[in-house]
């Protein structure tokens, strides 16, 4: 609920990397500065949710993003509402 900055949302098992296939961000109030990132890379560049609703990101049957070994995914959001985040993907050894 409310503002979140660089909160870890997915930590892969030691020695593994994340293969991200889809992301859904939903908010009960407008949200801006919504971002999915690692410590060094924007996975999704900053975007906004203008009103109550969801934003979906996918690459079909391909990977939306492939992480490096042991890279965690973090998210940032600025809102006065409640935000839900759903990630779809898997972990693999390099």
C-alpha atoms as a PDB file:
ATOM      1  CA  UNK A   1       0.000   0.000   0.000  1.00  0.00           C
ATOM      2  CA  UNK A   2       1.320   3.428  -0.882  1.00  0.00           C
ATOM      3  CA  UNK A   3       4.791   4.351  -2.029  1.00  0.00           C
ATOM      4  CA  UNK A   4       7.391   1.640  -2.493  1.00  0.00           C
ATOM      5  CA  UNK A   5      11.015   2.191  -3.542  1.00  0.00           C
ATOM      6  CA  UNK A   6      13.309  -0.565  -4.815  1.00  0.00           C
ATOM      7  CA  UNK A   7      11.451  -3.347  -3.027  1.00  0.00           C
ATOM      8  CA  UNK A   8      12.701  -6.842  -3.921  1.00  0.00           C
ATOM      9  CA  UNK A   9       9.923  -8.808  -5.590  1.00  0.00           C
ATOM     10  CA  UNK A  10      11.830 -11.867  -6.898  1.00  0.00           C
ATOM     11  CA  UNK A  11      15.120 -13.340  -5.717  1.00  0.00           C
ATOM     12  CA  UNK A  12      16.307 -16.336  -7.731  1.00  0.00           C
ATOM     13  CA  UNK A  13      17.877 -19.379  -6.112  1.00  0.00           C
ATOM     14  CA  UNK A  14      21.644 -19.074  -5.667  1.00  0.00           C
ATOM     15  CA  UNK A  15      23.452 -19.510  -8.984  1.00  0.00           C
ATOM     16  CA  UNK A  16      20.232 -19.127 -11.030  1.00  0.00           C
ATOM     17  CA  UNK A  17      18.823 -16.399 -13.225  1.00  0.00           C
ATOM     18  CA  UNK A  18      15.261 -15.221 -13.855  1.00  0.00           C
ATOM     19  CA  UNK A  19      13.555 -15.602 -17.214  1.00  0.00           C
ATOM     20  CA  UNK A  20      10.619 -13.164 -17.065  1.00  0.00           C
ATOM     21  CA  UNK A  21       7.716 -13.841 -19.433  1.00  0.00           C
ATOM     22  CA  UNK A  22       4.950 -11.476 -18.274  1.00  0.00           C
ATOM     23  CA  UNK A  23       4.155  -8.742 -15.759  1.00  0.00           C
ATOM     24  CA  UNK A  24       0.843  -7.326 -14.549  1.00  0.00           C
ATOM     25  CA  UNK A  25       0.690  -4.194 -12.373  1.00  0.00           C
ATOM     26  CA  UNK A  26      -2.727  -3.250 -10.927  1.00  0.00           C
ATOM     27  CA  UNK A  27      -3.607  -0.225  -8.794  1.00  0.00           C
ATOM     28  CA  UNK A  28      -6.694   0.945  -6.903  1.00  0.00           C
ATOM     29  CA  UNK A  29      -5.713   4.611  -7.409  1.00  0.00           C
ATOM     30  CA  UNK A  30      -3.597   6.424 -10.010  1.00  0.00           C
ATOM     31  CA  UNK A  31       0.066   5.449  -9.760  1.00  0.00           C
ATOM     32  CA  UNK A  32       3.090   7.056 -11.333  1.00  0.00           C
ATOM     33  CA  UNK A  33       6.769   6.280 -11.435  1.00  0.00           C
ATOM     34  CA  UNK A  34       5.928   2.559 -11.654  1.00  0.00           C
ATOM     35  CA  UNK A  35       9.114   0.692 -12.523  1.00  0.00           C
ATOM     36  CA  UNK A  36      10.491  -2.857 -12.598  1.00  0.00           C
ATOM     37  CA  UNK A  37      14.270  -3.028 -12.374  1.00  0.00           C
ATOM     38  CA  UNK A  38      17.408  -4.732 -11.174  1.00  0.00           C
ATOM     39  CA  UNK A  39      20.096  -2.841  -9.300  1.00  0.00           C
ATOM     40  CA  UNK A  40      21.622  -1.830 -12.665  1.00  0.00           C
ATOM     41  CA  UNK A  41      18.926  -2.234 -15.376  1.00  0.00           C
ATOM     42  CA  UNK A  42      15.414  -1.043 -16.136  1.00  0.00           C
ATOM     43  CA  UNK A  43      13.410  -4.162 -16.971  1.00  0.00           C
ATOM     44  CA  UNK A  44      10.369  -1.960 -17.663  1.00  0.00           C
ATOM     45  CA  UNK A  45      11.025   1.760 -18.024  1.00  0.00           C
ATOM     46  CA  UNK A  46       8.989   4.032 -15.728  1.00  0.00           C
ATOM     47  CA  UNK A  47       5.284   4.217 -16.606  1.00  0.00           C
ATOM     48  CA  UNK A  48       1.996   5.362 -15.058  1.00  0.00           C
ATOM     49  CA  UNK A  49      -1.370   3.800 -14.285  1.00  0.00           C
ATOM     50  CA  UNK A  50      -3.694   6.737 -14.908  1.00  0.00           C
ATOM     51  CA  UNK A  51      -6.661   5.463 -12.904  1.00  0.00           C
ATOM     52  CA  UNK A  52      -7.977   2.287 -11.303  1.00  0.00           C
ATOM     53  CA  UNK A  53      -6.860  -0.644 -13.455  1.00  0.00           C
ATOM     54  CA  UNK A  54      -4.005  -2.770 -14.714  1.00  0.00           C
ATOM     55  CA  UNK A  55      -1.096  -2.624 -17.156  1.00  0.00           C
ATOM     56  CA  UNK A  56       0.082  -5.867 -18.747  1.00  0.00           C
ATOM     57  CA  UNK A  57       3.470  -6.501 -20.343  1.00  0.00           C
ATOM     58  CA  UNK A  58       4.310  -9.657 -22.274  1.00  0.00           C
ATOM     59  CA  UNK A  59       6.444 -10.892 -25.148  1.00  0.00           C
ATOM     60  CA  UNK A  60       4.077 -13.684 -26.154  1.00  0.00           C
ATOM     61  CA  UNK A  61       5.859 -17.019 -25.974  1.00  0.00           C
ATOM     62  CA  UNK A  62       9.272 -15.306 -25.808  1.00  0.00           C
ATOM     63  CA  UNK A  63      11.114 -13.936 -22.815  1.00  0.00           C
ATOM     64  CA  UNK A  64      10.298 -10.371 -21.824  1.00  0.00           C
ATOM     65  CA  UNK A  65      13.615 -10.184 -19.972  1.00  0.00           C
ATOM     66  CA  UNK A  66      16.475 -12.559 -19.118  1.00  0.00           C
ATOM     67  CA  UNK A  67      18.390 -11.744 -15.962  1.00  0.00           C
ATOM     68  CA  UNK A  68      22.002 -12.308 -15.094  1.00  0.00           C
ATOM     69  CA  UNK A  69      23.013 -14.877 -12.485  1.00  0.00           C
ATOM     70  CA  UNK A  70      21.734 -13.975  -8.994  1.00  0.00           C
ATOM     71  CA  UNK A  71      20.111 -10.695 -10.182  1.00  0.00           C
ATOM     72  CA  UNK A  72      17.003  -9.816  -8.144  1.00  0.00           C
ATOM     73  CA  UNK A  73      13.963  -7.991  -9.494  1.00  0.00           C
ATOM     74  CA  UNK A  74      12.832  -4.857  -7.645  1.00  0.00           C
ATOM     75  CA  UNK A  75       9.856  -2.561  -8.111  1.00  0.00           C
ATOM     76  CA  UNK A  76       9.141   1.079  -7.383  1.00  0.00           C
ATOM     77  CA  UNK A  77       5.740   2.787  -7.336  1.00  0.00           C
ATOM     78  CA  UNK A  78       4.294   6.087  -6.126  1.00  0.00           C
ATOM     79  CA  UNK A  79       0.581   5.970  -5.246  1.00  0.00           C
ATOM     80  CA  UNK A  80      -1.857   6.525  -2.413  1.00  0.00           C
ATOM     81  CA  UNK A  81      -3.673   3.300  -3.295  1.00  0.00           C
ATOM     82  CA  UNK A  82      -2.987  -0.414  -3.199  1.00  0.00           C
ATOM     83  CA  UNK A  83      -0.779  -1.991  -5.869  1.00  0.00           C
ATOM     84  CA  UNK A  84      -0.725  -5.651  -6.883  1.00  0.00           C
ATOM     85  CA  UNK A  85       2.077  -7.113  -8.972  1.00  0.00           C
ATOM     86  CA  UNK A  86       2.061 -10.484 -10.730  1.00  0.00           C
ATOM     87  CA  UNK A  87       5.190 -11.851 -12.394  1.00  0.00           C
ATOM     88  CA  UNK A  88       5.264 -14.912 -14.611  1.00  0.00           C
ATOM     89  CA  UNK A  89       8.461 -16.697 -15.531  1.00  0.00           C
ATOM     90  CA  UNK A  90      10.935 -19.239 -14.279  1.00  0.00           C
ATOM     91  CA  UNK A  91      14.471 -19.678 -12.995  1.00  0.00           C
ATOM     92  CA  UNK A  92      17.255 -21.479 -14.797  1.00  0.00           C
ATOM     93  CA  UNK A  93      20.942 -22.167 -14.279  1.00  0.00           C
ATOM     94  CA  UNK A  94      23.149 -20.319 -16.760  1.00  0.00           C
END
